[in-house]
Amino acid sequence: MDFNENFIYGCSAIGAGLAVIAGIGPGVGQGIAAGHGAAAVGRNPGARSEIMSTMLLGQAVAETTGLYGLLVAMLLMFVKPFKG
């Protein structure tokens, strides 16, 4: 293993760490959405099912960003293109 491979492995580890940080945004966004959804149900309990379904759909869409970050991190850590 020479310098170039070690350098690329190190950069891959740093990139994986940065990709996992992408999970912070969806977590914060989902918490805010859940809080506003609970407040909306508190103001209008009759519209509970409509509010909850819209909130859950929005959270599912927001979660894809975190999952893509996790996928990129796993690819960077476990796919070694120079391993012969």
N, C-alpha and C. Protein backbone atom coordinates (compact mmCIF):
# COMPACT_ATOMS: atom_id res chain seq x y z
N MET A 1 0.86 -1.17 0.00
CA MET A 1 0.00 0.00 0.00
C MET A 1 0.90 1.24 0.00
N ASP A 2 0.73 2.08 -0.93
CA ASP A 2 1.58 3.25 -1.01
C ASP A 2 0.84 4.50 -0.53
N PHE A 3 1.52 5.62 -0.66
CA PHE A 3 0.97 6.87 -0.13
C PHE A 3 -0.37 7.22 -0.77
N ASN A 4 -0.50 7.05 -2.06
CA ASN A 4 -1.72 7.46 -2.74
C ASN A 4 -2.94 6.70 -2.23
N GLU A 5 -2.80 5.39 -2.01
CA GLU A 5 -3.93 4.61 -1.51
C GLU A 5 -4.29 5.03 -0.10
N ASN A 6 -3.28 5.22 0.75
CA ASN A 6 -3.56 5.65 2.13
C ASN A 6 -4.23 7.02 2.16
N PHE A 7 -3.79 7.90 1.30
CA PHE A 7 -4.38 9.23 1.23
C PHE A 7 -5.85 9.14 0.81
N ILE A 8 -6.15 8.31 -0.15
CA ILE A 8 -7.53 8.17 -0.62
C ILE A 8 -8.39 7.50 0.45
N TYR A 9 -7.84 6.52 1.16
CA TYR A 9 -8.60 5.89 2.26
C TYR A 9 -8.90 6.91 3.36
N GLY A 10 -7.92 7.75 3.67
CA GLY A 10 -8.14 8.78 4.68
C GLY A 10 -9.19 9.80 4.25
N CYS A 11 -9.12 10.20 2.99
CA CYS A 11 -10.12 11.14 2.47
C CYS A 11 -11.50 10.50 2.44
N SER A 12 -11.56 9.19 2.17
CA SER A 12 -12.84 8.49 2.20
C SER A 12 -13.43 8.48 3.61
N ALA A 13 -12.59 8.29 4.61
CA ALA A 13 -13.08 8.30 6.00
C ALA A 13 -13.59 9.69 6.38
N ILE A 14 -12.87 10.72 5.99
CA ILE A 14 -13.32 12.09 6.28
C ILE A 14 -14.63 12.38 5.55
N GLY A 15 -14.72 11.97 4.29
CA GLY A 15 -15.95 12.17 3.53
C GLY A 15 -17.12 11.42 4.13
N ALA A 16 -16.87 10.21 4.65
CA ALA A 16 -17.95 9.45 5.29
C ALA A 16 -18.45 10.17 6.54
N GLY A 17 -17.53 10.73 7.31
CA GLY A 17 -17.94 11.49 8.48
C GLY A 17 -18.77 12.71 8.12
N LEU A 18 -18.37 13.39 7.07
CA LEU A 18 -19.15 14.55 6.63
C LEU A 18 -20.51 14.14 6.08
N ALA A 19 -20.57 12.98 5.42
CA ALA A 19 -21.85 12.52 4.88
C ALA A 19 -22.82 12.16 6.00
N VAL A 20 -22.31 11.62 7.10
CA VAL A 20 -23.18 11.25 8.22
C VAL A 20 -23.74 12.51 8.89
N ILE A 21 -23.01 13.60 8.83
CA ILE A 21 -23.50 14.86 9.39
C ILE A 21 -24.77 15.30 8.68
N ALA A 22 -24.98 14.81 7.46
CA ALA A 22 -26.20 15.15 6.72
C ALA A 22 -27.45 14.66 7.44
N GLY A 23 -27.31 13.77 8.40
CA GLY A 23 -28.46 13.29 9.16
C GLY A 23 -28.98 14.29 10.18
N ILE A 24 -28.22 15.32 10.47
CA ILE A 24 -28.66 16.31 11.45
C ILE A 24 -29.83 17.12 10.92
N GLY A 25 -29.76 17.52 9.67
CA GLY A 25 -30.81 18.35 9.08
C GLY A 25 -32.17 17.68 9.09
N PRO A 26 -32.29 16.45 8.61
CA PRO A 26 -33.59 15.78 8.64
C PRO A 26 -34.11 15.57 10.07
N GLY A 27 -33.20 15.31 10.99
CA GLY A 27 -33.64 15.13 12.38
C GLY A 27 -34.26 16.39 12.96
N VAL A 28 -33.62 17.50 12.72
CA VAL A 28 -34.15 18.78 13.20
C VAL A 28 -35.46 19.11 12.49
N GLY A 29 -35.49 18.90 11.17
CA GLY A 29 -36.70 19.19 10.41
C GLY A 29 -37.88 18.34 10.83
N GLN A 30 -37.63 17.08 11.10
CA GLN A 30 -38.72 16.20 11.53
C GLN A 30 -39.22 16.57 12.92
N GLY A 31 -38.31 16.97 13.77
CA GLY A 31 -38.75 17.42 15.10
C GLY A 31 -39.61 18.67 15.04
N ILE A 32 -39.21 19.60 14.20
CA ILE A 32 -40.01 20.82 14.03
C ILE A 32 -41.37 20.48 13.44
N ALA A 33 -41.40 19.59 12.43
CA ALA A 33 -42.67 19.21 11.80
C ALA A 33 -43.59 18.51 12.80
N ALA A 34 -43.03 17.63 13.63
CA ALA A 34 -43.85 16.94 14.63
C ALA A 34 -44.40 17.92 15.66
N GLY A 35 -43.58 18.88 16.07
CA GLY A 35 -44.05 19.87 17.03
C GLY A 35 -45.17 20.74 16.47
N HIS A 36 -45.02 21.17 15.24
CA HIS A 36 -46.06 21.99 14.62
C HIS A 36 -47.31 21.15 14.34
N GLY A 37 -47.12 19.89 13.99
CA GLY A 37 -48.28 19.01 13.79
C GLY A 37 -49.05 18.79 15.07
N ALA A 38 -48.35 18.60 16.19
CA ALA A 38 -49.02 18.43 17.47
C ALA A 38 -49.75 19.70 17.88
N ALA A 39 -49.15 20.85 17.60
CA ALA A 39 -49.81 22.11 17.92
C ALA A 39 -51.06 22.31 17.06
N ALA A 40 -50.97 21.91 15.79
CA ALA A 40 -52.13 22.05 14.90
C ALA A 40 -53.26 21.13 15.33
N VAL A 41 -52.94 19.92 15.76
CA VAL A 41 -53.98 19.01 16.25
C VAL A 41 -54.58 19.55 17.54
N GLY A 42 -53.78 20.18 18.37
CA GLY A 42 -54.31 20.79 19.59
C GLY A 42 -55.28 21.92 19.31
N ARG A 43 -55.02 22.68 18.25
CA ARG A 43 -55.92 23.77 17.90
C ARG A 43 -57.19 23.28 17.21
N ASN A 44 -57.07 22.21 16.39
CA ASN A 44 -58.21 21.72 15.63
C ASN A 44 -58.22 20.18 15.66
N PRO A 45 -58.74 19.59 16.73
CA PRO A 45 -58.72 18.13 16.84
C PRO A 45 -59.53 17.41 15.76
N GLY A 46 -60.46 18.09 15.15
CA GLY A 46 -61.28 17.46 14.11
C GLY A 46 -60.50 17.14 12.84
N ALA A 47 -59.43 17.86 12.61
CA ALA A 47 -58.63 17.65 11.41
C ALA A 47 -57.40 16.79 11.67
N ARG A 48 -57.47 15.98 12.72
CA ARG A 48 -56.32 15.19 13.15
C ARG A 48 -55.78 14.29 12.05
N SER A 49 -56.64 13.52 11.40
CA SER A 49 -56.16 12.56 10.42
C SER A 49 -55.53 13.25 9.21
N GLU A 50 -56.10 14.35 8.78
CA GLU A 50 -55.54 15.08 7.64
C GLU A 50 -54.18 15.70 7.99
N ILE A 51 -54.09 16.26 9.19
CA ILE A 51 -52.83 16.87 9.63
C ILE A 51 -51.75 15.80 9.78
N MET A 52 -52.10 14.69 10.40
CA MET A 52 -51.11 13.64 10.64
C MET A 52 -50.62 13.01 9.35
N SER A 53 -51.51 12.77 8.41
CA SER A 53 -51.08 12.15 7.15
C SER A 53 -50.16 13.09 6.37
N THR A 54 -50.48 14.37 6.35
CA THR A 54 -49.61 15.33 5.67
C THR A 54 -48.27 15.44 6.37
N MET A 55 -48.26 15.45 7.69
CA MET A 55 -47.02 15.54 8.44
C MET A 55 -46.15 14.32 8.21
N LEU A 56 -46.73 13.13 8.24
CA LEU A 56 -45.95 11.91 8.05
C LEU A 56 -45.39 11.81 6.64
N LEU A 57 -46.14 12.26 5.66
CA LEU A 57 -45.62 12.28 4.29
C LEU A 57 -44.43 13.22 4.17
N GLY A 58 -44.54 14.38 4.77
CA GLY A 58 -43.43 15.33 4.75
C GLY A 58 -42.21 14.80 5.47
N GLN A 59 -42.41 14.10 6.58
CA GLN A 59 -41.28 13.53 7.30
C GLN A 59 -40.63 12.41 6.51
N ALA A 60 -41.41 11.62 5.80
CA ALA A 60 -40.84 10.55 4.98
C ALA A 60 -39.98 11.13 3.87
N VAL A 61 -40.43 12.21 3.26
CA VAL A 61 -39.64 12.85 2.21
C VAL A 61 -38.36 13.46 2.79
N ALA A 62 -38.46 14.05 3.97
CA ALA A 62 -37.29 14.66 4.60
C ALA A 62 -36.27 13.61 5.01
N GLU A 63 -36.73 12.43 5.36
CA GLU A 63 -35.83 11.38 5.82
C GLU A 63 -34.93 10.85 4.70
N THR A 64 -35.36 11.00 3.45
CA THR A 64 -34.55 10.47 2.35
C THR A 64 -33.18 11.15 2.30
N THR A 65 -33.10 12.41 2.70
CA THR A 65 -31.80 13.09 2.72
C THR A 65 -30.84 12.41 3.68
N GLY A 66 -31.32 12.08 4.85
CA GLY A 66 -30.48 11.38 5.82
C GLY A 66 -30.08 9.99 5.35
N LEU A 67 -31.00 9.30 4.69
CA LEU A 67 -30.69 7.97 4.19
C LEU A 67 -29.67 8.02 3.06
N TYR A 68 -29.76 9.03 2.21
CA TYR A 68 -28.75 9.19 1.15
C TYR A 68 -27.38 9.47 1.76
N GLY A 69 -27.34 10.28 2.79
CA GLY A 69 -26.07 10.54 3.47
C GLY A 69 -25.48 9.28 4.08
N LEU A 70 -26.33 8.46 4.68
CA LEU A 70 -25.87 7.19 5.25
C LEU A 70 -25.37 6.26 4.15
N LEU A 71 -26.06 6.21 3.03
CA LEU A 71 -25.64 5.37 1.92
C LEU A 71 -24.28 5.81 1.39
N VAL A 72 -24.10 7.10 1.22
CA VAL A 72 -22.82 7.61 0.74
C VAL A 72 -21.70 7.28 1.73
N ALA A 73 -21.98 7.43 3.03
CA ALA A 73 -20.97 7.12 4.04
C ALA A 73 -20.60 5.64 4.01
N MET A 74 -21.58 4.77 3.87
CA MET A 74 -21.29 3.34 3.82
C MET A 74 -20.50 2.98 2.56
N LEU A 75 -20.84 3.60 1.44
CA LEU A 75 -20.07 3.34 0.22
C LEU A 75 -18.63 3.81 0.37
N LEU A 76 -18.44 4.98 0.97
CA LEU A 76 -17.08 5.49 1.15
C LEU A 76 -16.26 4.63 2.09
N MET A 77 -16.89 4.06 3.10
CA MET A 77 -16.15 3.27 4.08
C MET A 77 -15.89 1.83 3.64
N PHE A 78 -16.83 1.22 2.94
CA PHE A 78 -16.72 -0.21 2.70
C PHE A 78 -16.42 -0.60 1.26
N VAL A 79 -16.53 0.30 0.32
CA VAL A 79 -16.17 -0.02 -1.06
C VAL A 79 -14.76 0.48 -1.29
N LYS A 80 -13.85 -0.46 -1.42
CA LYS A 80 -12.42 -0.13 -1.59
C LYS A 80 -12.03 -0.42 -3.04
N PRO A 81 -11.95 0.62 -3.86
CA PRO A 81 -11.68 0.37 -5.28
C PRO A 81 -10.26 -0.12 -5.56
N PHE A 82 -9.31 0.12 -4.64
CA PHE A 82 -7.93 -0.28 -4.89
C PHE A 82 -7.58 -1.64 -4.30
N LYS A 83 -8.53 -2.23 -3.59
CA LYS A 83 -8.25 -3.53 -2.97
C LYS A 83 -8.24 -4.57 -4.07
N GLY A 84 -7.13 -5.25 -4.24
CA GLY A 84 -6.98 -6.20 -5.32
C GLY A 84 -7.32 -7.56 -4.87
